[in-house]
Amino acid sequence: MLTAVDHVQLAAPPGSEDRLRAYYAGVLGMTEIPKPPVLAARGGCWFQAGAVQLHLGVEDGFRPARKAHPGLRVTGIVAYAARLAERGAQVTWDDNLPGHRRFYSEDPVGNRLEFLEPTG
């Protein structure tokens, strides 16, 4: 029986870790968490905010996920979107999900991210 999502993994190109840290920690406000040594040798980085974990793994021949994406719940979505925009991130609002406010953004390597907050 499934009980929860443990983490979501996104791909990234080799050598992009500093840009990913700047975005996921600096822009989104997540905390970098250590990878186990055997996995750290492969590159990439992991981040956490509350119970949410995003793992960025290095992939040769990387292509960003343009349609596939994690959907990340936030509180205070208008202020959170302003935080991202103030730090240079793209914010694209989308009103097509009833009962939610949501926007999309992209990380520095082009992965699509959805941010949403229930309205009811």
PDB file of N, CA and C in Angstrom:
ATOM      1  N   MET A   1       0.843  -1.173   0.000  1.00  0.00           N
ATOM      2  CA  MET A   1       0.000   0.000   0.000  1.00  0.00           C
ATOM      3  C   MET A   1       0.894   1.244   0.000  1.00  0.00           C
ATOM      4  N   LEU A   2       0.612   2.173  -0.872  1.00  0.00           N
ATOM      5  CA  LEU A   2       1.338   3.447  -0.912  1.00  0.00           C
ATOM      6  C   LEU A   2       0.857   4.330   0.227  1.00  0.00           C
ATOM      7  N   THR A   3       1.785   5.051   0.847  1.00  0.00           N
ATOM      8  CA  THR A   3       1.405   5.926   1.959  1.00  0.00           C
ATOM      9  C   THR A   3       1.783   7.381   1.746  1.00  0.00           C
ATOM     10  N   ALA A   4       2.776   7.647   0.906  1.00  0.00           N
ATOM     11  CA  ALA A   4       3.212   9.026   0.682  1.00  0.00           C
ATOM     12  C   ALA A   4       4.215   9.057  -0.463  1.00  0.00           C
ATOM     13  N   VAL A   5       4.441  10.233  -0.992  1.00  0.00           N
ATOM     14  CA  VAL A   5       5.541  10.437  -1.932  1.00  0.00           C
ATOM     15  C   VAL A   5       6.769  10.799  -1.098  1.00  0.00           C
ATOM     16  N   ASP A   6       7.832  10.043  -1.251  1.00  0.00           N
ATOM     17  CA  ASP A   6       9.047  10.301  -0.487  1.00  0.00           C
ATOM     18  C   ASP A   6       9.812  11.489  -1.044  1.00  0.00           C
ATOM     19  N   HIS A   7       9.967  11.548  -2.359  1.00  0.00           N
ATOM     20  CA  HIS A   7      10.656  12.658  -3.010  1.00  0.00           C
ATOM     21  C   HIS A   7      10.326  12.657  -4.492  1.00  0.00           C
ATOM     22  N   VAL A   8      10.671  13.738  -5.144  1.00  0.00           N
ATOM     23  CA  VAL A   8      10.582  13.844  -6.598  1.00  0.00           C
ATOM     24  C   VAL A   8      11.987  14.099  -7.100  1.00  0.00           C
ATOM     25  N   GLN A   9      12.379  13.367  -8.146  1.00  0.00           N
ATOM     26  CA  GLN A   9      13.701  13.574  -8.743  1.00  0.00           C
ATOM     27  C   GLN A   9      13.540  14.282 -10.079  1.00  0.00           C
ATOM     28  N   LEU A  10      14.345  15.307 -10.267  1.00  0.00           N
ATOM     29  CA  LEU A  10      14.450  16.015 -11.542  1.00  0.00           C
ATOM     30  C   LEU A  10      15.872  15.849 -12.050  1.00  0.00           C
ATOM     31  N   ALA A  11      16.037  15.932 -13.337  1.00  0.00           N
ATOM     32  CA  ALA A  11      17.368  15.809 -13.929  1.00  0.00           C
ATOM     33  C   ALA A  11      17.982  17.185 -14.135  1.00  0.00           C
ATOM     34  N   ALA A  12      19.291  17.206 -14.254  1.00  0.00           N
ATOM     35  CA  ALA A  12      20.042  18.441 -14.474  1.00  0.00           C
ATOM     36  C   ALA A  12      21.322  18.090 -15.234  1.00  0.00           C
ATOM     37  N   PRO A  13      21.875  19.054 -15.959  1.00  0.00           N
ATOM     38  CA  PRO A  13      23.111  18.767 -16.689  1.00  0.00           C
ATOM     39  C   PRO A  13      24.322  18.744 -15.760  1.00  0.00           C
ATOM     40  N   PRO A  14      25.364  18.023 -16.153  1.00  0.00           N
ATOM     41  CA  PRO A  14      26.596  18.018 -15.361  1.00  0.00           C
ATOM     42  C   PRO A  14      27.110  19.440 -15.137  1.00  0.00           C
ATOM     43  N   GLY A  15      27.613  19.699 -13.927  1.00  0.00           N
ATOM     44  CA  GLY A  15      28.203  20.995 -13.611  1.00  0.00           C
ATOM     45  C   GLY A  15      27.218  22.096 -13.258  1.00  0.00           C
ATOM     46  N   SER A  16      25.932  21.780 -13.082  1.00  0.00           N
ATOM     47  CA  SER A  16      24.924  22.815 -12.809  1.00  0.00           C
ATOM     48  C   SER A  16      24.608  22.980 -11.328  1.00  0.00           C
ATOM     49  N   GLU A  17      25.300  22.274 -10.467  1.00  0.00           N
ATOM     50  CA  GLU A  17      24.955  22.271  -9.041  1.00  0.00           C
ATOM     51  C   GLU A  17      24.939  23.662  -8.410  1.00  0.00           C
ATOM     52  N   ASP A  18      25.891  24.530  -8.730  1.00  0.00           N
ATOM     53  CA  ASP A  18      25.901  25.867  -8.123  1.00  0.00           C
ATOM     54  C   ASP A  18      24.675  26.670  -8.524  1.00  0.00           C
ATOM     55  N   ARG A  19      24.259  26.576  -9.775  1.00  0.00           N
ATOM     56  CA  ARG A  19      23.037  27.273 -10.219  1.00  0.00           C
ATOM     57  C   ARG A  19      21.806  26.689  -9.540  1.00  0.00           C
ATOM     58  N   LEU A  20      21.779  25.372  -9.379  1.00  0.00           N
ATOM     59  CA  LEU A  20      20.653  24.729  -8.701  1.00  0.00           C
ATOM     60  C   LEU A  20      20.581  25.151  -7.243  1.00  0.00           C
ATOM     61  N   ARG A  21      21.720  25.218  -6.571  1.00  0.00           N
ATOM     62  CA  ARG A  21      21.746  25.669  -5.171  1.00  0.00           C
ATOM     63  C   ARG A  21      21.238  27.109  -5.056  1.00  0.00           C
ATOM     64  N   ALA A  22      21.679  27.959  -5.962  1.00  0.00           N
ATOM     65  CA  ALA A  22      21.236  29.361  -5.933  1.00  0.00           C
ATOM     66  C   ALA A  22      19.719  29.455  -6.080  1.00  0.00           C
ATOM     67  N   TYR A  23      19.150  28.624  -6.925  1.00  0.00           N
ATOM     68  CA  TYR A  23      17.701  28.670  -7.165  1.00  0.00           C
ATOM     69  C   TYR A  23      16.915  27.980  -6.047  1.00  0.00           C
ATOM     70  N   TYR A  24      17.201  26.715  -5.806  1.00  0.00           N
ATOM     71  CA  TYR A  24      16.375  25.954  -4.856  1.00  0.00           C
ATOM     72  C   TYR A  24      16.547  26.453  -3.420  1.00  0.00           C
ATOM     73  N   ALA A  25      17.748  26.839  -3.025  1.00  0.00           N
ATOM     74  CA  ALA A  25      17.956  27.373  -1.674  1.00  0.00           C
ATOM     75  C   ALA A  25      17.713  28.880  -1.652  1.00  0.00           C
ATOM     76  N   GLY A  26      18.375  29.619  -2.549  1.00  0.00           N
ATOM     77  CA  GLY A  26      18.306  31.069  -2.521  1.00  0.00           C
ATOM     78  C   GLY A  26      16.981  31.656  -2.962  1.00  0.00           C
ATOM     79  N   VAL A  27      16.396  31.119  -4.014  1.00  0.00           N
ATOM     80  CA  VAL A  27      15.144  31.663  -4.539  1.00  0.00           C
ATOM     81  C   VAL A  27      13.937  31.002  -3.877  1.00  0.00           C
ATOM     82  N   LEU A  28      13.890  29.668  -3.889  1.00  0.00           N
ATOM     83  CA  LEU A  28      12.725  28.971  -3.331  1.00  0.00           C
ATOM     84  C   LEU A  28      12.742  28.900  -1.810  1.00  0.00           C
ATOM     85  N   GLY A  29      13.916  29.049  -1.185  1.00  0.00           N
ATOM     86  CA  GLY A  29      13.994  29.007   0.269  1.00  0.00           C
ATOM     87  C   GLY A  29      14.075  27.607   0.850  1.00  0.00           C
ATOM     88  N   MET A  30      14.445  26.623   0.030  1.00  0.00           N
ATOM     89  CA  MET A  30      14.607  25.254   0.511  1.00  0.00           C
ATOM     90  C   MET A  30      15.978  25.117   1.178  1.00  0.00           C
ATOM     91  N   THR A  31      16.170  24.037   1.907  1.00  0.00           N
ATOM     92  CA  THR A  31      17.440  23.740   2.558  1.00  0.00           C
ATOM     93  C   THR A  31      18.106  22.581   1.829  1.00  0.00           C
ATOM     94  N   GLU A  32      19.389  22.744   1.512  1.00  0.00           N
ATOM     95  CA  GLU A  32      20.100  21.624   0.910  1.00  0.00           C
ATOM     96  C   GLU A  32      20.347  20.576   1.982  1.00  0.00           C
ATOM     97  N   ILE A  33      20.087  19.327   1.635  1.00  0.00           N
ATOM     98  CA  ILE A  33      20.336  18.218   2.554  1.00  0.00           C
ATOM     99  C   ILE A  33      21.437  17.339   1.959  1.00  0.00           C
ATOM    100  N   PRO A  34      22.241  16.725   2.821  1.00  0.00           N
ATOM    101  CA  PRO A  34      23.367  15.939   2.301  1.00  0.00           C
ATOM    102  C   PRO A  34      22.895  14.669   1.602  1.00  0.00           C
ATOM    103  N   LYS A  35      23.590  14.345   0.512  1.00  0.00           N
ATOM    104  CA  LYS A  35      23.371  13.076  -0.169  1.00  0.00           C
ATOM    105  C   LYS A  35      24.284  12.035   0.478  1.00  0.00           C
ATOM    106  N   PRO A  36      23.863  10.781   0.503  1.00  0.00           N
ATOM    107  CA  PRO A  36      24.790   9.743   0.970  1.00  0.00           C
ATOM    108  C   PRO A  36      26.059   9.764   0.114  1.00  0.00           C
ATOM    109  N   PRO A  37      27.220   9.519   0.707  1.00  0.00           N
ATOM    110  CA  PRO A  37      28.487   9.648  -0.029  1.00  0.00           C
ATOM    111  C   PRO A  37      28.533   8.906  -1.360  1.00  0.00           C
ATOM    112  N   VAL A  38      28.005   7.696  -1.417  1.00  0.00           N
ATOM    113  CA  VAL A  38      28.051   6.943  -2.670  1.00  0.00           C
ATOM    114  C   VAL A  38      27.231   7.636  -3.762  1.00  0.00           C
ATOM    115  N   LEU A  39      26.153   8.300  -3.374  1.00  0.00           N
ATOM    116  CA  LEU A  39      25.330   9.029  -4.346  1.00  0.00           C
ATOM    117  C   LEU A  39      25.914  10.407  -4.644  1.00  0.00           C
ATOM    118  N   ALA A  40      26.528  11.042  -3.653  1.00  0.00           N
ATOM    119  CA  ALA A  40      27.129  12.363  -3.857  1.00  0.00           C
ATOM    120  C   ALA A  40      28.224  12.309  -4.918  1.00  0.00           C
ATOM    121  N   ALA A  41      28.896  11.173  -5.033  1.00  0.00           N
ATOM    122  CA  ALA A  41      29.959  11.032  -6.030  1.00  0.00           C
ATOM    123  C   ALA A  41      29.429  11.154  -7.456  1.00  0.00           C
ATOM    124  N   ARG A  42      28.137  10.967  -7.634  1.00  0.00           N
ATOM    125  CA  ARG A  42      27.517  11.067  -8.964  1.00  0.00           C
ATOM    126  C   ARG A  42      27.156  12.503  -9.336  1.00  0.00           C
ATOM    127  N   GLY A  43      27.282  13.434  -8.402  1.00  0.00           N
ATOM    128  CA  GLY A  43      26.893  14.820  -8.644  1.00  0.00           C
ATOM    129  C   GLY A  43      25.440  15.048  -8.271  1.00  0.00           C
ATOM    130  N   GLY A  44      24.964  16.241  -8.559  1.00  0.00           N
ATOM    131  CA  GLY A  44      23.599  16.597  -8.212  1.00  0.00           C
ATOM    132  C   GLY A  44      23.498  17.108  -6.792  1.00  0.00           C
ATOM    133  N   CYS A  45      22.281  17.422  -6.361  1.00  0.00           N
ATOM    134  CA  CYS A  45      22.047  17.919  -5.016  1.00  0.00           C
ATOM    135  C   CYS A  45      20.593  17.688  -4.631  1.00  0.00           C
ATOM    136  N   TRP A  46      20.359  17.630  -3.325  1.00  0.00           N
ATOM    137  CA  TRP A  46      19.031  17.380  -2.779  1.00  0.00           C
ATOM    138  C   TRP A  46      18.605  18.563  -1.918  1.00  0.00           C
ATOM    139  N   PHE A  47      17.281  18.829  -1.923  1.00  0.00           N
ATOM    140  CA  PHE A  47      16.736  19.956  -1.165  1.00  0.00           C
ATOM    141  C   PHE A  47      15.471  19.522  -0.442  1.00  0.00           C
ATOM    142  N   GLN A  48      15.187  20.234   0.662  1.00  0.00           N
ATOM    143  CA  GLN A  48      14.006  19.913   1.457  1.00  0.00           C
ATOM    144  C   GLN A  48      13.384  21.189   2.009  1.00  0.00           C
ATOM    145  N   ALA A  49      12.055  21.187   2.092  1.00  0.00           N
ATOM    146  CA  ALA A  49      11.283  22.220   2.789  1.00  0.00           C
ATOM    147  C   ALA A  49      10.136  21.486   3.468  1.00  0.00           C
ATOM    148  N   GLY A  50      10.146  21.428   4.791  1.00  0.00           N
ATOM    149  CA  GLY A  50       9.144  20.635   5.496  1.00  0.00           C
ATOM    150  C   GLY A  50       9.282  19.176   5.084  1.00  0.00           C
ATOM    151  N   ALA A  51       8.169  18.564   4.694  1.00  0.00           N
ATOM    152  CA  ALA A  51       8.181  17.165   4.272  1.00  0.00           C
ATOM    153  C   ALA A  51       8.491  16.999   2.784  1.00  0.00           C
ATOM    154  N   VAL A  52       8.660  18.099   2.068  1.00  0.00           N
ATOM    155  CA  VAL A  52       8.883  18.052   0.617  1.00  0.00           C
ATOM    156  C   VAL A  52      10.369  17.924   0.324  1.00  0.00           C
ATOM    157  N   GLN A  53      10.725  16.921  -0.478  1.00  0.00           N
ATOM    158  CA  GLN A  53      12.106  16.767  -0.933  1.00  0.00           C
ATOM    159  C   GLN A  53      12.139  16.758  -2.453  1.00  0.00           C
ATOM    160  N   LEU A  54      13.084  17.511  -2.993  1.00  0.00           N
ATOM    161  CA  LEU A  54      13.372  17.489  -4.424  1.00  0.00           C
ATOM    162  C   LEU A  54      14.823  17.062  -4.583  1.00  0.00           C
ATOM    163  N   HIS A  55      15.043  16.061  -5.408  1.00  0.00           N
ATOM    164  CA  HIS A  55      16.387  15.571  -5.699  1.00  0.00           C
ATOM    165  C   HIS A  55      16.722  15.963  -7.130  1.00  0.00           C
ATOM    166  N   LEU A  56      17.876  16.556  -7.333  1.00  0.00           N
ATOM    167  CA  LEU A  56      18.351  16.917  -8.664  1.00  0.00           C
ATOM    168  C   LEU A  56      19.514  16.009  -8.987  1.00  0.00           C
ATOM    169  N   GLY A  57      19.329  15.175  -9.996  1.00  0.00           N
ATOM    170  CA  GLY A  57      20.352  14.225 -10.386  1.00  0.00           C
ATOM    171  C   GLY A  57      20.972  14.599 -11.712  1.00  0.00           C
ATOM    172  N   VAL A  58      22.264  14.410 -11.835  1.00  0.00           N
ATOM    173  CA  VAL A  58      22.995  14.737 -13.059  1.00  0.00           C
ATOM    174  C   VAL A  58      22.695  13.691 -14.119  1.00  0.00           C
ATOM    175  N   GLU A  59      22.410  14.184 -15.321  1.00  0.00           N
ATOM    176  CA  GLU A  59      22.104  13.301 -16.447  1.00  0.00           C
ATOM    177  C   GLU A  59      22.857  13.779 -17.681  1.00  0.00           C
ATOM    178  N   ASP A  60      23.713  12.921 -18.219  1.00  0.00           N
ATOM    179  CA  ASP A  60      24.370  13.233 -19.491  1.00  0.00           C
ATOM    180  C   ASP A  60      23.294  13.311 -20.566  1.00  0.00           C
ATOM    181  N   GLY A  61      23.451  14.241 -21.500  1.00  0.00           N
ATOM    182  CA  GLY A  61      22.445  14.422 -22.544  1.00  0.00           C
ATOM    183  C   GLY A  61      21.150  14.999 -22.002  1.00  0.00           C
ATOM    184  N   PHE A  62      21.235  15.731 -20.902  1.00  0.00           N
ATOM    185  CA  PHE A  62      20.072  16.310 -20.223  1.00  0.00           C
ATOM    186  C   PHE A  62      19.189  17.112 -21.170  1.00  0.00           C
ATOM    187  N   ARG A  63      17.888  16.926 -21.006  1.00  0.00           N
ATOM    188  CA  ARG A  63      16.862  17.779 -21.627  1.00  0.00           C
ATOM    189  C   ARG A  63      15.870  18.136 -20.534  1.00  0.00           C
ATOM    190  N   PRO A  64      15.540  19.422 -20.372  1.00  0.00           N
ATOM    191  CA  PRO A  64      14.634  19.801 -19.275  1.00  0.00           C
ATOM    192  C   PRO A  64      13.233  19.229 -19.468  1.00  0.00           C
ATOM    193  N   ALA A  65      12.570  18.970 -18.344  1.00  0.00           N
ATOM    194  CA  ALA A  65      11.178  18.533 -18.362  1.00  0.00           C
ATOM    195  C   ALA A  65      10.309  19.759 -18.631  1.00  0.00           C
ATOM    196  N   ARG A  66       9.708  19.819 -19.798  1.00  0.00           N
ATOM    197  CA  ARG A  66       8.874  20.977 -20.172  1.00  0.00           C
ATOM    198  C   ARG A  66       7.411  20.784 -19.786  1.00  0.00           C
ATOM    199  N   LYS A  67       6.911  19.562 -19.807  1.00  0.00           N
ATOM    200  CA  LYS A  67       5.531  19.284 -19.447  1.00  0.00           C
ATOM    201  C   LYS A  67       5.460  18.609 -18.073  1.00  0.00           C
ATOM    202  N   ALA A  68       6.247  17.555 -17.877  1.00  0.00           N
ATOM    203  CA  ALA A  68       6.270  16.881 -16.575  1.00  0.00           C
ATOM    204  C   ALA A  68       6.801  17.854 -15.532  1.00  0.00           C
ATOM    205  N   HIS A  69       6.249  17.775 -14.326  1.00  0.00           N
ATOM    206  CA  HIS A  69       6.662  18.717 -13.286  1.00  0.00           C
ATOM    207  C   HIS A  69       6.162  18.261 -11.921  1.00  0.00           C
ATOM    208  N   PRO A  70       6.851  18.673 -10.857  1.00  0.00           N
ATOM    209  CA  PRO A  70       6.275  18.494  -9.530  1.00  0.00           C
ATOM    210  C   PRO A  70       5.284  19.625  -9.266  1.00  0.00           C
ATOM    211  N   GLY A  71       4.211  19.303  -8.578  1.00  0.00           N
ATOM    212  CA  GLY A  71       3.251  20.300  -8.117  1.00  0.00           C
ATOM    213  C   GLY A  71       3.510  20.548  -6.649  1.00  0.00           C
ATOM    214  N   LEU A  72       3.914  21.751  -6.303  1.00  0.00           N
ATOM    215  CA  LEU A  72       4.344  22.076  -4.945  1.00  0.00           C
ATOM    216  C   LEU A  72       3.324  22.984  -4.271  1.00  0.00           C
ATOM    217  N   ARG A  73       2.748  22.515  -3.163  1.00  0.00           N
ATOM    218  CA  ARG A  73       1.788  23.318  -2.406  1.00  0.00           C
ATOM    219  C   ARG A  73       2.521  24.378  -1.613  1.00  0.00           C
ATOM    220  N   VAL A  74       1.976  25.588  -1.638  1.00  0.00           N
ATOM    221  CA  VAL A  74       2.546  26.686  -0.871  1.00  0.00           C
ATOM    222  C   VAL A  74       1.439  27.387  -0.093  1.00  0.00           C
ATOM    223  N   THR A  75       1.817  28.122   0.920  1.00  0.00           N
ATOM    224  CA  THR A  75       0.888  29.014   1.605  1.00  0.00           C
ATOM    225  C   THR A  75       1.327  30.436   1.280  1.00  0.00           C
ATOM    226  N   GLY A  76       0.371  31.340   1.181  1.00  0.00           N
ATOM    227  CA  GLY A  76       0.692  32.717   0.824  1.00  0.00           C
ATOM    228  C   GLY A  76       1.257  32.799  -0.581  1.00  0.00           C
ATOM    229  N   ILE A  77       0.524  32.261  -1.541  1.00  0.00           N
ATOM    230  CA  ILE A  77       1.056  32.100  -2.896  1.00  0.00           C
ATOM    231  C   ILE A  77       1.393  33.428  -3.569  1.00  0.00           C
ATOM    232  N   VAL A  78       0.631  34.475  -3.304  1.00  0.00           N
ATOM    233  CA  VAL A  78       0.926  35.766  -3.939  1.00  0.00           C
ATOM    234  C   VAL A  78       2.277  36.293  -3.444  1.00  0.00           C
ATOM    235  N   ALA A  79       2.503  36.242  -2.145  1.00  0.00           N
ATOM    236  CA  ALA A  79       3.793  36.678  -1.594  1.00  0.00           C
ATOM    237  C   ALA A  79       4.925  35.777  -2.066  1.00  0.00           C
ATOM    238  N   TYR A  80       4.649  34.471  -2.168  1.00  0.00           N
ATOM    239  CA  TYR A  80       5.686  33.545  -2.622  1.00  0.00           C
ATOM    240  C   TYR A  80       6.052  33.821  -4.081  1.00  0.00           C
ATOM    241  N   ALA A  81       5.062  34.084  -4.913  1.00  0.00           N
ATOM    242  CA  ALA A  81       5.328  34.432  -6.311  1.00  0.00           C
ATOM    243  C   ALA A  81       6.139  35.722  -6.394  1.00  0.00           C
ATOM    244  N   ALA A  82       5.819  36.693  -5.544  1.00  0.00           N
ATOM    245  CA  ALA A  82       6.577  37.947  -5.527  1.00  0.00           C
ATOM    246  C   ALA A  82       8.022  37.689  -5.117  1.00  0.00           C
ATOM    247  N   ARG A  83       8.244  36.788  -4.168  1.00  0.00           N
ATOM    248  CA  ARG A  83       9.603  36.416  -3.743  1.00  0.00           C
ATOM    249  C   ARG A  83      10.392  35.890  -4.929  1.00  0.00           C
ATOM    250  N   LEU A  84       9.782  34.978  -5.690  1.00  0.00           N
ATOM    251  CA  LEU A  84      10.463  34.404  -6.849  1.00  0.00           C
ATOM    252  C   LEU A  84      10.777  35.479  -7.882  1.00  0.00           C
ATOM    253  N   ALA A  85       9.785  36.311  -8.191  1.00  0.00           N
ATOM    254  CA  ALA A  85       9.976  37.355  -9.202  1.00  0.00           C
ATOM    255  C   ALA A  85      11.058  38.345  -8.773  1.00  0.00           C
ATOM    256  N   GLU A  86      11.074  38.731  -7.493  1.00  0.00           N
ATOM    257  CA  GLU A  86      12.103  39.655  -6.984  1.00  0.00           C
ATOM    258  C   GLU A  86      13.503  39.086  -7.120  1.00  0.00           C
ATOM    259  N   ARG A  87      13.598  37.773  -7.109  1.00  0.00           N
ATOM    260  CA  ARG A  87      14.899  37.102  -7.222  1.00  0.00           C
ATOM    261  C   ARG A  87      15.198  36.664  -8.661  1.00  0.00           C
ATOM    262  N   GLY A  88      14.418  37.182  -9.601  1.00  0.00           N
ATOM    263  CA  GLY A  88      14.703  36.974 -11.016  1.00  0.00           C
ATOM    264  C   GLY A  88      14.090  35.746 -11.653  1.00  0.00           C
ATOM    265  N   ALA A  89      13.241  35.023 -10.939  1.00  0.00           N
ATOM    266  CA  ALA A  89      12.607  33.833 -11.508  1.00  0.00           C
ATOM    267  C   ALA A  89      11.352  34.218 -12.286  1.00  0.00           C
ATOM    268  N   GLN A  90      11.095  33.489 -13.324  1.00  0.00           N
ATOM    269  CA  GLN A  90       9.879  33.670 -14.116  1.00  0.00           C
ATOM    270  C   GLN A  90       8.683  33.188 -13.301  1.00  0.00           C
ATOM    271  N   VAL A  91       7.579  33.931 -13.345  1.00  0.00           N
ATOM    272  CA  VAL A  91       6.324  33.539 -12.707  1.00  0.00           C
ATOM    273  C   VAL A  91       5.226  33.682 -13.749  1.00  0.00           C
ATOM    274  N   THR A  92       4.579  32.562 -14.079  1.00  0.00           N
ATOM    275  CA  THR A  92       3.491  32.559 -15.066  1.00  0.00           C
ATOM    276  C   THR A  92       2.234  32.033 -14.385  1.00  0.00           C
ATOM    277  N   TRP A  93       1.274  32.932 -14.142  1.00  0.00           N
ATOM    278  CA  TRP A  93       0.032  32.556 -13.474  1.00  0.00           C
ATOM    279  C   TRP A  93      -0.853  31.752 -14.417  1.00  0.00           C
ATOM    280  N   ASP A  94      -1.627  30.831 -13.850  1.00  0.00           N
ATOM    281  CA  ASP A  94      -2.552  29.985 -14.610  1.00  0.00           C
ATOM    282  C   ASP A  94      -3.822  29.824 -13.785  1.00  0.00           C
ATOM    283  N   ASP A  95      -4.956  30.220 -14.350  1.00  0.00           N
ATOM    284  CA  ASP A  95      -6.236  30.177 -13.638  1.00  0.00           C
ATOM    285  C   ASP A  95      -7.095  28.983 -14.036  1.00  0.00           C
ATOM    286  N   ASN A  96      -6.517  27.944 -14.594  1.00  0.00           N
ATOM    287  CA  ASN A  96      -7.305  26.855 -15.155  1.00  0.00           C
ATOM    288  C   ASN A  96      -7.569  25.681 -14.221  1.00  0.00           C
ATOM    289  N   LEU A  97      -7.196  25.778 -12.952  1.00  0.00           N
ATOM    290  CA  LEU A  97      -7.458  24.697 -12.006  1.00  0.00           C
ATOM    291  C   LEU A  97      -8.455  25.207 -10.963  1.00  0.00           C
ATOM    292  N   PRO A  98      -9.735  24.809 -11.076  1.00  0.00           N
ATOM    293  CA  PRO A  98     -10.738  25.294 -10.126  1.00  0.00           C
ATOM    294  C   PRO A  98     -10.339  25.003  -8.682  1.00  0.00           C
ATOM    295  N   GLY A  99     -10.625  25.971  -7.817  1.00  0.00           N
ATOM    296  CA  GLY A  99     -10.350  25.807  -6.395  1.00  0.00           C
ATOM    297  C   GLY A  99      -8.913  26.056  -5.987  1.00  0.00           C
ATOM    298  N   HIS A 100      -8.093  26.567  -6.909  1.00  0.00           N
ATOM    299  CA  HIS A 100      -6.677  26.803  -6.617  1.00  0.00           C
ATOM    300  C   HIS A 100      -6.193  28.087  -7.285  1.00  0.00           C
ATOM    301  N   ARG A 101      -5.226  28.716  -6.651  1.00  0.00           N
ATOM    302  CA  ARG A 101      -4.396  29.726  -7.317  1.00  0.00           C
ATOM    303  C   ARG A 101      -3.107  29.001  -7.628  1.00  0.00           C
ATOM    304  N   ARG A 102      -2.580  29.235  -8.829  1.00  0.00           N
ATOM    305  CA  ARG A 102      -1.334  28.551  -9.168  1.00  0.00           C
ATOM    306  C   ARG A 102      -0.544  29.339 -10.189  1.00  0.00           C
ATOM    307  N   PHE A 103       0.770  29.052 -10.176  1.00  0.00           N
ATOM    308  CA  PHE A 103       1.658  29.600 -11.189  1.00  0.00           C
ATOM    309  C   PHE A 103       2.727  28.575 -11.506  1.00  0.00           C
ATOM    310  N   TYR A 104       3.386  28.805 -12.631  1.00  0.00           N
ATOM    311  CA  TYR A 104       4.499  27.966 -13.064  1.00  0.00           C
ATOM    312  C   TYR A 104       5.774  28.798 -13.075  1.00  0.00           C
ATOM    313  N   SER A 105       6.869  28.112 -12.903  1.00  0.00           N
ATOM    314  CA  SER A 105       8.183  28.723 -13.020  1.00  0.00           C
ATOM    315  C   SER A 105       9.125  27.660 -13.564  1.00  0.00           C
ATOM    316  N   GLU A 106      10.350  28.057 -13.841  1.00  0.00           N
ATOM    317  CA  GLU A 106      11.366  27.121 -14.310  1.00  0.00           C
ATOM    318  C   GLU A 106      12.615  27.292 -13.468  1.00  0.00           C
ATOM    319  N   ASP A 107      13.279  26.179 -13.200  1.00  0.00           N
ATOM    320  CA  ASP A 107      14.561  26.273 -12.511  1.00  0.00           C
ATOM    321  C   ASP A 107      15.627  26.733 -13.509  1.00  0.00           C
ATOM    322  N   PRO A 108      16.845  26.980 -13.082  1.00  0.00           N
ATOM    323  CA  PRO A 108      17.846  27.552 -13.989  1.00  0.00           C
ATOM    324  C   PRO A 108      18.294  26.634 -15.122  1.00  0.00           C
ATOM    325  N   VAL A 109      17.899  25.357 -15.078  1.00  0.00           N
ATOM    326  CA  VAL A 109      18.244  24.461 -16.187  1.00  0.00           C
ATOM    327  C   VAL A 109      17.025  24.141 -17.048  1.00  0.00           C
ATOM    328  N   GLY A 110      15.883  24.793 -16.756  1.00  0.00           N
ATOM    329  CA  GLY A 110      14.705  24.675 -17.605  1.00  0.00           C
ATOM    330  C   GLY A 110      13.639  23.694 -17.160  1.00  0.00           C
ATOM    331  N   ASN A 111      13.781  23.068 -15.984  1.00  0.00           N
ATOM    332  CA  ASN A 111      12.733  22.173 -15.491  1.00  0.00           C
ATOM    333  C   ASN A 111      11.517  22.983 -15.065  1.00  0.00           C
ATOM    334  N   ARG A 112      10.337  22.531 -15.446  1.00  0.00           N
ATOM    335  CA  ARG A 112       9.083  23.191 -15.103  1.00  0.00           C
ATOM    336  C   ARG A 112       8.677  22.828 -13.676  1.00  0.00           C
ATOM    337  N   LEU A 113       8.210  23.828 -12.918  1.00  0.00           N
ATOM    338  CA  LEU A 113       7.723  23.638 -11.551  1.00  0.00           C
ATOM    339  C   LEU A 113       6.367  24.310 -11.425  1.00  0.00           C
ATOM    340  N   GLU A 114       5.427  23.651 -10.776  1.00  0.00           N
ATOM    341  CA  GLU A 114       4.108  24.217 -10.513  1.00  0.00           C
ATOM    342  C   GLU A 114       3.986  24.502  -9.017  1.00  0.00           C
ATOM    343  N   PHE A 115       3.460  25.682  -8.688  1.00  0.00           N
ATOM    344  CA  PHE A 115       3.226  26.092  -7.312  1.00  0.00           C
ATOM    345  C   PHE A 115       1.731  26.371  -7.175  1.00  0.00           C
ATOM    346  N   LEU A 116       1.093  25.779  -6.165  1.00  0.00           N
ATOM    347  CA  LEU A 116      -0.346  25.963  -6.045  1.00  0.00           C
ATOM    348  C   LEU A 116      -0.785  26.048  -4.598  1.00  0.00           C
ATOM    349  N   GLU A 117      -1.930  26.740  -4.425  1.00  0.00           N
ATOM    350  CA  GLU A 117      -2.528  26.895  -3.096  1.00  0.00           C
ATOM    351  C   GLU A 117      -4.037  26.778  -3.260  1.00  0.00           C
ATOM    352  N   PRO A 118      -4.680  25.893  -2.470  1.00  0.00           N
ATOM    353  CA  PRO A 118      -6.140  25.804  -2.531  1.00  0.00           C
ATOM    354  C   PRO A 118      -6.775  27.127  -2.115  1.00  0.00           C
ATOM    355  N   THR A 119      -7.908  27.466  -2.725  1.00  0.00           N
ATOM    356  CA  THR A 119      -8.586  28.723  -2.395  1.00  0.00           C
ATOM    357  C   THR A 119      -9.779  28.523  -1.490  1.00  0.00           C
ATOM    358  N   GLY A 120     -10.226  27.283  -1.302  1.00  0.00           N
ATOM    359  CA  GLY A 120     -11.458  27.058  -0.539  1.00  0.00           C
ATOM    360  C   GLY A 120     -11.286  26.514   0.816  1.00  0.00           C
TER     361      GLY A 120
END
